[in-house]
Amino acid sequence: MSAKNYNQTKILLVDDEPDILEFLKYNLEKEEFIVYTAGNGKEGIAEALKHAPHLILLDVMMPDMDGIETCQQLRESNKLNDTVIAFLTARSEDYSQIAGFESGADDYINKPIKPKVLISRIHALLRRKTTTVSQSPLLEISDLTIDPERFVVINKGVELNLPRKEFQLMNLLMSKPGKVFRRENILSEIWGQDIIVGNRTIDVHIRKLREKIGADYIQTIKGVGYKFAK
């Protein structure tokens, strides 16, 4: 997505504090983004399904349905498979970030954050969104099949609906079975050098993949990275 097309980008803000919504909406609309807002998780899900935004900025600490649960439900919708979700929250504890990535988030932005910095992070997220999985033939290893064109993983005949980052990570590892992918290379390929994520981000996604496809496929090379078993 080129800079001149950012004004076509739809962003959904979900936060229970009206002042924050107003502040963010004002600054994003100055950049000519199309901005929708929601004051809680349930409303956010409804707005997301209605508008299919390119990016959702989601607060973690909200009453009734917090951001983690909201993100989990958003990721259950096939309509939002290509939507980028970033948590925008004052909580910086490591366990909160891990929970956020486990729920399917793409990034974690701590507030307070200056508008110019936030805009820069949003542009970085949108640039990564346009980096699609390479259009390659079906990849098959044992009972696993990955179809990059359909964005589908088949495990023993059962189609899996993986979050986008998990799919991209699996596609990367499976594209060269037996090759050891260093952690820094994985972060660069999947998240990009201009997006800051926690040190345990890869570990969280690997663990979630192992839970879904089995523990034997992805091997840990201690102190280096990961590889997909041949």
C-alpha atoms as a PDB file:
ATOM      1  CA  MET A   1       0.000   0.000   0.000  1.00  0.00           C
ATOM      2  CA  SER A   2       1.645   3.241  -1.112  1.00  0.00           C
ATOM      3  CA  ALA A   3       1.561   6.431   0.936  1.00  0.00           C
ATOM      4  CA  LYS A   4      -0.880   8.060  -1.478  1.00  0.00           C
ATOM      5  CA  ASN A   5      -3.408   5.315  -0.733  1.00  0.00           C
ATOM      6  CA  TYR A   6      -3.385   5.685   3.047  1.00  0.00           C
ATOM      7  CA  ASN A   7      -6.476   7.881   2.824  1.00  0.00           C
ATOM      8  CA  GLN A   8      -8.364   4.770   1.679  1.00  0.00           C
ATOM      9  CA  THR A   9      -7.360   2.895   4.823  1.00  0.00           C
ATOM     10  CA  LYS A  10     -10.030   2.115   7.405  1.00  0.00           C
ATOM     11  CA  ILE A  11      -9.002   2.129  11.074  1.00  0.00           C
ATOM     12  CA  LEU A  12     -11.169   1.042  13.986  1.00  0.00           C
ATOM     13  CA  LEU A  13     -10.409   2.422  17.462  1.00  0.00           C
ATOM     14  CA  VAL A  14     -11.736   0.456  20.433  1.00  0.00           C
ATOM     15  CA  ASP A  15     -11.345   2.096  23.854  1.00  0.00           C
ATOM     16  CA  ASP A  16     -13.662   2.727  26.794  1.00  0.00           C
ATOM     17  CA  GLU A  17     -12.284   6.250  27.394  1.00  0.00           C
ATOM     18  CA  PRO A  18     -14.093   8.825  25.212  1.00  0.00           C
ATOM     19  CA  ASP A  19     -11.268  11.383  25.526  1.00  0.00           C
ATOM     20  CA  ILE A  20      -8.743   8.915  24.114  1.00  0.00           C
ATOM     21  CA  LEU A  21     -11.066   7.972  21.251  1.00  0.00           C
ATOM     22  CA  GLU A  22     -11.611  11.637  20.396  1.00  0.00           C
ATOM     23  CA  PHE A  23      -7.876  12.415  20.540  1.00  0.00           C
ATOM     24  CA  LEU A  24      -6.867   9.449  18.387  1.00  0.00           C
ATOM     25  CA  LYS A  25      -9.697   9.962  15.908  1.00  0.00           C
ATOM     26  CA  TYR A  26      -8.769  13.617  15.443  1.00  0.00           C
ATOM     27  CA  ASN A  27      -5.097  12.860  14.768  1.00  0.00           C
ATOM     28  CA  LEU A  28      -5.791   9.926  12.453  1.00  0.00           C
ATOM     29  CA  GLU A  29      -8.375  11.821  10.433  1.00  0.00           C
ATOM     30  CA  LYS A  30      -5.805  14.616   9.979  1.00  0.00           C
ATOM     31  CA  GLU A  31      -3.785  11.968   8.118  1.00  0.00           C
ATOM     32  CA  GLU A  32      -6.887  11.250   5.995  1.00  0.00           C
ATOM     33  CA  PHE A  33      -7.540   7.796   7.420  1.00  0.00           C
ATOM     34  CA  ILE A  34     -11.149   6.621   7.548  1.00  0.00           C
ATOM     35  CA  VAL A  35     -11.766   6.201  11.278  1.00  0.00           C
ATOM     36  CA  TYR A  36     -14.458   4.275  13.145  1.00  0.00           C
ATOM     37  CA  THR A  37     -14.764   4.116  16.928  1.00  0.00           C
ATOM     38  CA  ALA A  38     -16.217   1.781  19.535  1.00  0.00           C
ATOM     39  CA  GLY A  39     -16.466   2.204  23.294  1.00  0.00           C
ATOM     40  CA  ASN A  40     -16.234  -1.456  24.325  1.00  0.00           C
ATOM     41  CA  GLY A  41     -15.300  -4.905  23.076  1.00  0.00           C
ATOM     42  CA  LYS A  42     -18.758  -6.029  21.950  1.00  0.00           C
ATOM     43  CA  GLU A  43     -19.322  -2.799  20.065  1.00  0.00           C
ATOM     44  CA  GLY A  44     -15.845  -3.139  18.572  1.00  0.00           C
ATOM     45  CA  ILE A  45     -16.605  -6.605  17.221  1.00  0.00           C
ATOM     46  CA  ALA A  46     -19.843  -5.373  15.663  1.00  0.00           C
ATOM     47  CA  GLU A  47     -18.090  -2.399  14.033  1.00  0.00           C
ATOM     48  CA  ALA A  48     -15.260  -4.614  12.781  1.00  0.00           C
ATOM     49  CA  LEU A  49     -17.641  -7.059  11.128  1.00  0.00           C
ATOM     50  CA  LYS A  50     -19.601  -4.183   9.615  1.00  0.00           C
ATOM     51  CA  HIS A  51     -16.676  -2.218   8.163  1.00  0.00           C
ATOM     52  CA  ALA A  52     -13.849  -4.827   7.804  1.00  0.00           C
ATOM     53  CA  PRO A  53     -11.132  -2.318   8.765  1.00  0.00           C
ATOM     54  CA  HIS A  54      -7.554  -2.667   7.611  1.00  0.00           C
ATOM     55  CA  LEU A  55      -6.291  -1.950  11.137  1.00  0.00           C
ATOM     56  CA  ILE A  56      -7.777  -2.171  14.625  1.00  0.00           C
ATOM     57  CA  LEU A  57      -6.243  -0.320  17.583  1.00  0.00           C
ATOM     58  CA  LEU A  58      -7.556  -2.114  20.627  1.00  0.00           C
ATOM     59  CA  ASP A  59      -7.304  -1.188  24.307  1.00  0.00           C
ATOM     60  CA  VAL A  60      -6.646  -4.039  26.730  1.00  0.00           C
ATOM     61  CA  MET A  61      -8.281  -2.808  29.932  1.00  0.00           C
ATOM     62  CA  MET A  62     -11.991  -2.496  29.217  1.00  0.00           C
ATOM     63  CA  PRO A  63     -15.003  -3.504  31.344  1.00  0.00           C
ATOM     64  CA  ASP A  64     -17.218  -6.513  30.557  1.00  0.00           C
ATOM     65  CA  MET A  65     -15.083  -7.794  27.664  1.00  0.00           C
ATOM     66  CA  ASP A  66     -11.392  -6.920  27.813  1.00  0.00           C
ATOM     67  CA  GLY A  67      -9.139  -6.465  24.794  1.00  0.00           C
ATOM     68  CA  ILE A  68      -7.698  -9.977  24.962  1.00  0.00           C
ATOM     69  CA  GLU A  69     -11.113 -11.631  24.696  1.00  0.00           C
ATOM     70  CA  THR A  70     -12.174  -9.119  22.050  1.00  0.00           C
ATOM     71  CA  CYS A  71      -9.112  -9.925  19.955  1.00  0.00           C
ATOM     72  CA  GLN A  72      -9.755 -13.662  20.287  1.00  0.00           C
ATOM     73  CA  GLN A  73     -13.290 -13.246  18.987  1.00  0.00           C
ATOM     74  CA  LEU A  74     -12.157 -10.974  16.165  1.00  0.00           C
ATOM     75  CA  ARG A  75      -9.650 -13.614  15.056  1.00  0.00           C
ATOM     76  CA  GLU A  76     -12.431 -16.201  14.834  1.00  0.00           C
ATOM     77  CA  SER A  77     -13.983 -14.317  11.918  1.00  0.00           C
ATOM     78  CA  ASN A  78     -12.747 -15.254   8.445  1.00  0.00           C
ATOM     79  CA  LYS A  79     -13.871 -11.816   7.302  1.00  0.00           C
ATOM     80  CA  LEU A  80     -11.087 -10.284   9.402  1.00  0.00           C
ATOM     81  CA  ASN A  81      -8.273 -12.673   8.491  1.00  0.00           C
ATOM     82  CA  ASP A  82      -6.312  -9.906   6.804  1.00  0.00           C
ATOM     83  CA  THR A  83      -7.020  -7.231   9.424  1.00  0.00           C
ATOM     84  CA  VAL A  84      -4.051  -6.003  11.449  1.00  0.00           C
ATOM     85  CA  ILE A  85      -4.727  -5.805  15.194  1.00  0.00           C
ATOM     86  CA  ALA A  86      -2.516  -3.792  17.522  1.00  0.00           C
ATOM     87  CA  PHE A  87      -3.031  -3.331  21.239  1.00  0.00           C
ATOM     88  CA  LEU A  88      -2.744   0.274  22.369  1.00  0.00           C
ATOM     89  CA  THR A  89      -2.501   0.162  26.139  1.00  0.00           C
ATOM     90  CA  ALA A  90      -0.762   1.525  29.201  1.00  0.00           C
ATOM     91  CA  ARG A  91      -0.004  -2.006  30.384  1.00  0.00           C
ATOM     92  CA  SER A  92       3.591  -2.925  29.621  1.00  0.00           C
ATOM     93  CA  GLU A  93       3.991  -6.075  31.726  1.00  0.00           C
ATOM     94  CA  ASP A  94       5.543  -8.973  29.828  1.00  0.00           C
ATOM     95  CA  TYR A  95       2.693 -11.350  30.648  1.00  0.00           C
ATOM     96  CA  SER A  96       0.204  -8.922  29.171  1.00  0.00           C
ATOM     97  CA  GLN A  97       2.143  -8.766  25.899  1.00  0.00           C
ATOM     98  CA  ILE A  98       2.330 -12.548  25.741  1.00  0.00           C
ATOM     99  CA  ALA A  99      -1.423 -12.808  26.288  1.00  0.00           C
ATOM    100  CA  GLY A 100      -1.941 -10.251  23.559  1.00  0.00           C
ATOM    101  CA  PHE A 101       0.115 -12.151  20.988  1.00  0.00           C
ATOM    102  CA  GLU A 102      -1.508 -15.426  22.012  1.00  0.00           C
ATOM    103  CA  SER A 103      -4.904 -13.913  21.275  1.00  0.00           C
ATOM    104  CA  GLY A 104      -3.809 -13.092  17.720  1.00  0.00           C
ATOM    105  CA  ALA A 105      -2.496  -9.525  17.924  1.00  0.00           C
ATOM    106  CA  ASP A 106       0.099  -8.312  15.424  1.00  0.00           C
ATOM    107  CA  ASP A 107       1.715  -5.619  17.556  1.00  0.00           C
ATOM    108  CA  TYR A 108       1.697  -4.056  20.995  1.00  0.00           C
ATOM    109  CA  ILE A 109       1.938  -0.273  21.374  1.00  0.00           C
ATOM    110  CA  ASN A 110       2.380   1.264  24.815  1.00  0.00           C
ATOM    111  CA  LYS A 111       0.694   4.529  25.661  1.00  0.00           C
ATOM    112  CA  PRO A 112       1.072   7.404  26.176  1.00  0.00           C
ATOM    113  CA  ILE A 113       2.446   7.787  22.670  1.00  0.00           C
ATOM    114  CA  LYS A 114       2.994  10.939  20.646  1.00  0.00           C
ATOM    115  CA  PRO A 115       0.700  11.279  17.613  1.00  0.00           C
ATOM    116  CA  LYS A 116       3.603  11.412  15.128  1.00  0.00           C
ATOM    117  CA  VAL A 117       5.101   8.253  16.609  1.00  0.00           C
ATOM    118  CA  LEU A 118       1.737   6.482  16.500  1.00  0.00           C
ATOM    119  CA  ILE A 119       1.238   7.478  12.869  1.00  0.00           C
ATOM    120  CA  SER A 120       4.686   6.109  12.061  1.00  0.00           C
ATOM    121  CA  ARG A 121       3.875   2.800  13.758  1.00  0.00           C
ATOM    122  CA  ILE A 122       0.576   2.590  11.883  1.00  0.00           C
ATOM    123  CA  HIS A 123       2.318   3.160   8.554  1.00  0.00           C
ATOM    124  CA  ALA A 124       4.831   0.426   9.441  1.00  0.00           C
ATOM    125  CA  LEU A 125       2.019  -2.002  10.263  1.00  0.00           C
ATOM    126  CA  LEU A 126       0.238  -1.222   7.018  1.00  0.00           C
ATOM    127  CA  ARG A 127       3.415  -1.703   5.009  1.00  0.00           C
ATOM    128  CA  ARG A 128       3.824  -5.146   6.554  1.00  0.00           C
ATOM    129  CA  LYS A 129       0.203  -5.918   5.705  1.00  0.00           C
ATOM    130  CA  THR A 130       0.975  -5.563   2.000  1.00  0.00           C
ATOM    131  CA  THR A 131       3.831  -8.084   2.198  1.00  0.00           C
ATOM    132  CA  THR A 132       1.866 -11.131   1.127  1.00  0.00           C
ATOM    133  CA  VAL A 133       2.844 -14.757   1.393  1.00  0.00           C
ATOM    134  CA  SER A 134       4.645 -15.783  -1.782  1.00  0.00           C
ATOM    135  CA  GLN A 135       2.459 -17.455  -4.364  1.00  0.00           C
ATOM    136  CA  SER A 136       4.027 -20.891  -4.413  1.00  0.00           C
ATOM    137  CA  PRO A 137       2.759 -24.423  -4.978  1.00  0.00           C
ATOM    138  CA  LEU A 138       1.318 -26.552  -2.214  1.00  0.00           C
ATOM    139  CA  LEU A 139       3.825 -27.514   0.432  1.00  0.00           C
ATOM    140  CA  GLU A 140       3.410 -31.011   1.860  1.00  0.00           C
ATOM    141  CA  ILE A 141       5.272 -32.654   4.722  1.00  0.00           C
ATOM    142  CA  SER A 142       3.902 -35.848   6.241  1.00  0.00           C
ATOM    143  CA  ASP A 143       0.235 -35.188   7.146  1.00  0.00           C
ATOM    144  CA  LEU A 144       0.600 -31.422   6.776  1.00  0.00           C
ATOM    145  CA  THR A 145      -0.270 -29.382   3.698  1.00  0.00           C
ATOM    146  CA  ILE A 146       0.001 -25.616   3.369  1.00  0.00           C
ATOM    147  CA  ASP A 147      -1.639 -23.713   0.526  1.00  0.00           C
ATOM    148  CA  PRO A 148      -0.174 -20.185   0.341  1.00  0.00           C
ATOM    149  CA  GLU A 149      -2.623 -19.027  -2.306  1.00  0.00           C
ATOM    150  CA  ARG A 150      -5.705 -20.020  -0.296  1.00  0.00           C
ATOM    151  CA  PHE A 151      -4.094 -19.136   3.044  1.00  0.00           C
ATOM    152  CA  VAL A 152      -5.066 -22.587   4.318  1.00  0.00           C
ATOM    153  CA  VAL A 153      -3.271 -25.212   6.408  1.00  0.00           C
ATOM    154  CA  ILE A 154      -4.525 -28.800   6.293  1.00  0.00           C
ATOM    155  CA  ASN A 155      -3.564 -31.154   9.126  1.00  0.00           C
ATOM    156  CA  LYS A 156      -4.581 -34.788   8.577  1.00  0.00           C
ATOM    157  CA  GLY A 157      -7.362 -33.701   6.257  1.00  0.00           C
ATOM    158  CA  VAL A 158      -8.682 -30.990   8.587  1.00  0.00           C
ATOM    159  CA  GLU A 159      -8.424 -27.355   7.485  1.00  0.00           C
ATOM    160  CA  LEU A 160      -7.003 -25.045  10.152  1.00  0.00           C
ATOM    161  CA  ASN A 161      -7.916 -21.371  10.400  1.00  0.00           C
ATOM    162  CA  LEU A 162      -4.647 -19.908  11.660  1.00  0.00           C
ATOM    163  CA  PRO A 163      -4.140 -16.263  12.611  1.00  0.00           C
ATOM    164  CA  ARG A 164      -2.190 -14.423   9.930  1.00  0.00           C
ATOM    165  CA  LYS A 165       1.144 -14.260  11.779  1.00  0.00           C
ATOM    166  CA  GLU A 166       1.001 -17.960  12.689  1.00  0.00           C
ATOM    167  CA  PHE A 167       0.291 -18.810   9.064  1.00  0.00           C
ATOM    168  CA  GLN A 168       3.146 -16.668   7.791  1.00  0.00           C
ATOM    169  CA  LEU A 169       5.534 -18.162  10.343  1.00  0.00           C
ATOM    170  CA  MET A 170       4.552 -21.713   9.443  1.00  0.00           C
ATOM    171  CA  ASN A 171       4.799 -20.952   5.727  1.00  0.00           C
ATOM    172  CA  LEU A 172       8.294 -19.528   6.218  1.00  0.00           C
ATOM    173  CA  LEU A 173       9.598 -22.511   8.206  1.00  0.00           C
ATOM    174  CA  MET A 174       7.894 -25.066   5.978  1.00  0.00           C
ATOM    175  CA  SER A 175       9.190 -23.433   2.777  1.00  0.00           C
ATOM    176  CA  LYS A 176      12.682 -24.811   3.524  1.00  0.00           C
ATOM    177  CA  PRO A 177      12.389 -27.894   5.744  1.00  0.00           C
ATOM    178  CA  GLY A 178      15.574 -28.671   7.608  1.00  0.00           C
ATOM    179  CA  LYS A 179      16.901 -25.119   7.339  1.00  0.00           C
ATOM    180  CA  VAL A 180      17.545 -23.341  10.641  1.00  0.00           C
ATOM    181  CA  PHE A 181      15.903 -19.912  10.647  1.00  0.00           C
ATOM    182  CA  ARG A 182      17.586 -17.548  13.063  1.00  0.00           C
ATOM    183  CA  ARG A 183      15.324 -15.625  15.418  1.00  0.00           C
ATOM    184  CA  GLU A 184      16.386 -12.247  14.032  1.00  0.00           C
ATOM    185  CA  ASN A 185      15.628 -13.420  10.499  1.00  0.00           C
ATOM    186  CA  ILE A 186      12.190 -14.657  11.515  1.00  0.00           C
ATOM    187  CA  LEU A 187      11.380 -11.328  13.167  1.00  0.00           C
ATOM    188  CA  SER A 188      12.527  -9.443  10.074  1.00  0.00           C
ATOM    189  CA  GLU A 189      10.598 -11.664   7.649  1.00  0.00           C
ATOM    190  CA  ILE A 190       7.333 -11.852   9.603  1.00  0.00           C
ATOM    191  CA  TRP A 191       7.159  -8.665  11.642  1.00  0.00           C
ATOM    192  CA  GLY A 192       9.551  -6.372   9.803  1.00  0.00           C
ATOM    193  CA  GLN A 193      12.481  -4.366  11.046  1.00  0.00           C
ATOM    194  CA  ASP A 194      10.393  -1.247  11.571  1.00  0.00           C
ATOM    195  CA  ILE A 195       7.983  -2.935  14.010  1.00  0.00           C
ATOM    196  CA  ILE A 196       9.071  -3.444  17.611  1.00  0.00           C
ATOM    197  CA  VAL A 197       7.858  -6.634  19.272  1.00  0.00           C
ATOM    198  CA  GLY A 198       8.816  -8.372  22.483  1.00  0.00           C
ATOM    199  CA  ASN A 199      11.580 -10.944  22.695  1.00  0.00           C
ATOM    200  CA  ARG A 200       9.112 -13.739  23.379  1.00  0.00           C
ATOM    201  CA  THR A 201       6.853 -13.018  20.427  1.00  0.00           C
ATOM    202  CA  ILE A 202       8.294 -15.827  18.298  1.00  0.00           C
ATOM    203  CA  ASP A 203       8.154 -18.289  21.194  1.00  0.00           C
ATOM    204  CA  VAL A 204       4.466 -17.564  21.747  1.00  0.00           C
ATOM    205  CA  HIS A 205       3.617 -18.150  18.080  1.00  0.00           C
ATOM    206  CA  ILE A 206       5.721 -21.317  17.904  1.00  0.00           C
ATOM    207  CA  ARG A 207       3.960 -22.704  20.974  1.00  0.00           C
ATOM    208  CA  LYS A 208       0.549 -21.957  19.473  1.00  0.00           C
ATOM    209  CA  LEU A 209       1.543 -23.672  16.215  1.00  0.00           C
ATOM    210  CA  ARG A 210       2.761 -26.753  18.068  1.00  0.00           C
ATOM    211  CA  GLU A 211      -0.545 -26.949  19.902  1.00  0.00           C
ATOM    212  CA  LYS A 212      -2.385 -26.999  16.567  1.00  0.00           C
ATOM    213  CA  ILE A 213      -0.182 -29.121  14.297  1.00  0.00           C
ATOM    214  CA  GLY A 214       1.715 -31.274  16.800  1.00  0.00           C
ATOM    215  CA  ALA A 215       4.919 -30.831  18.750  1.00  0.00           C
ATOM    216  CA  ASP A 216       7.264 -32.797  16.476  1.00  0.00           C
ATOM    217  CA  TYR A 217       7.241 -30.676  13.324  1.00  0.00           C
ATOM    218  CA  ILE A 218       8.953 -27.518  14.585  1.00  0.00           C
ATOM    219  CA  GLN A 219      12.284 -28.054  16.302  1.00  0.00           C
ATOM    220  CA  THR A 220      14.058 -25.569  18.568  1.00  0.00           C
ATOM    221  CA  ILE A 221      17.747 -24.948  17.948  1.00  0.00           C
ATOM    222  CA  LYS A 222      18.774 -23.585  21.329  1.00  0.00           C
ATOM    223  CA  GLY A 223      20.275 -20.132  21.196  1.00  0.00           C
ATOM    224  CA  VAL A 224      19.779 -19.888  17.425  1.00  0.00           C
ATOM    225  CA  GLY A 225      16.224 -20.302  16.189  1.00  0.00           C
ATOM    226  CA  TYR A 226      13.852 -22.884  14.726  1.00  0.00           C
ATOM    227  CA  LYS A 227      13.577 -25.343  11.869  1.00  0.00           C
ATOM    228  CA  PHE A 228      10.843 -27.462  10.324  1.00  0.00           C
ATOM    229  CA  ALA A 229      11.496 -31.219  10.444  1.00  0.00           C
ATOM    230  CA  LYS A 230      11.955 -32.931   7.096  1.00  0.00           C
END
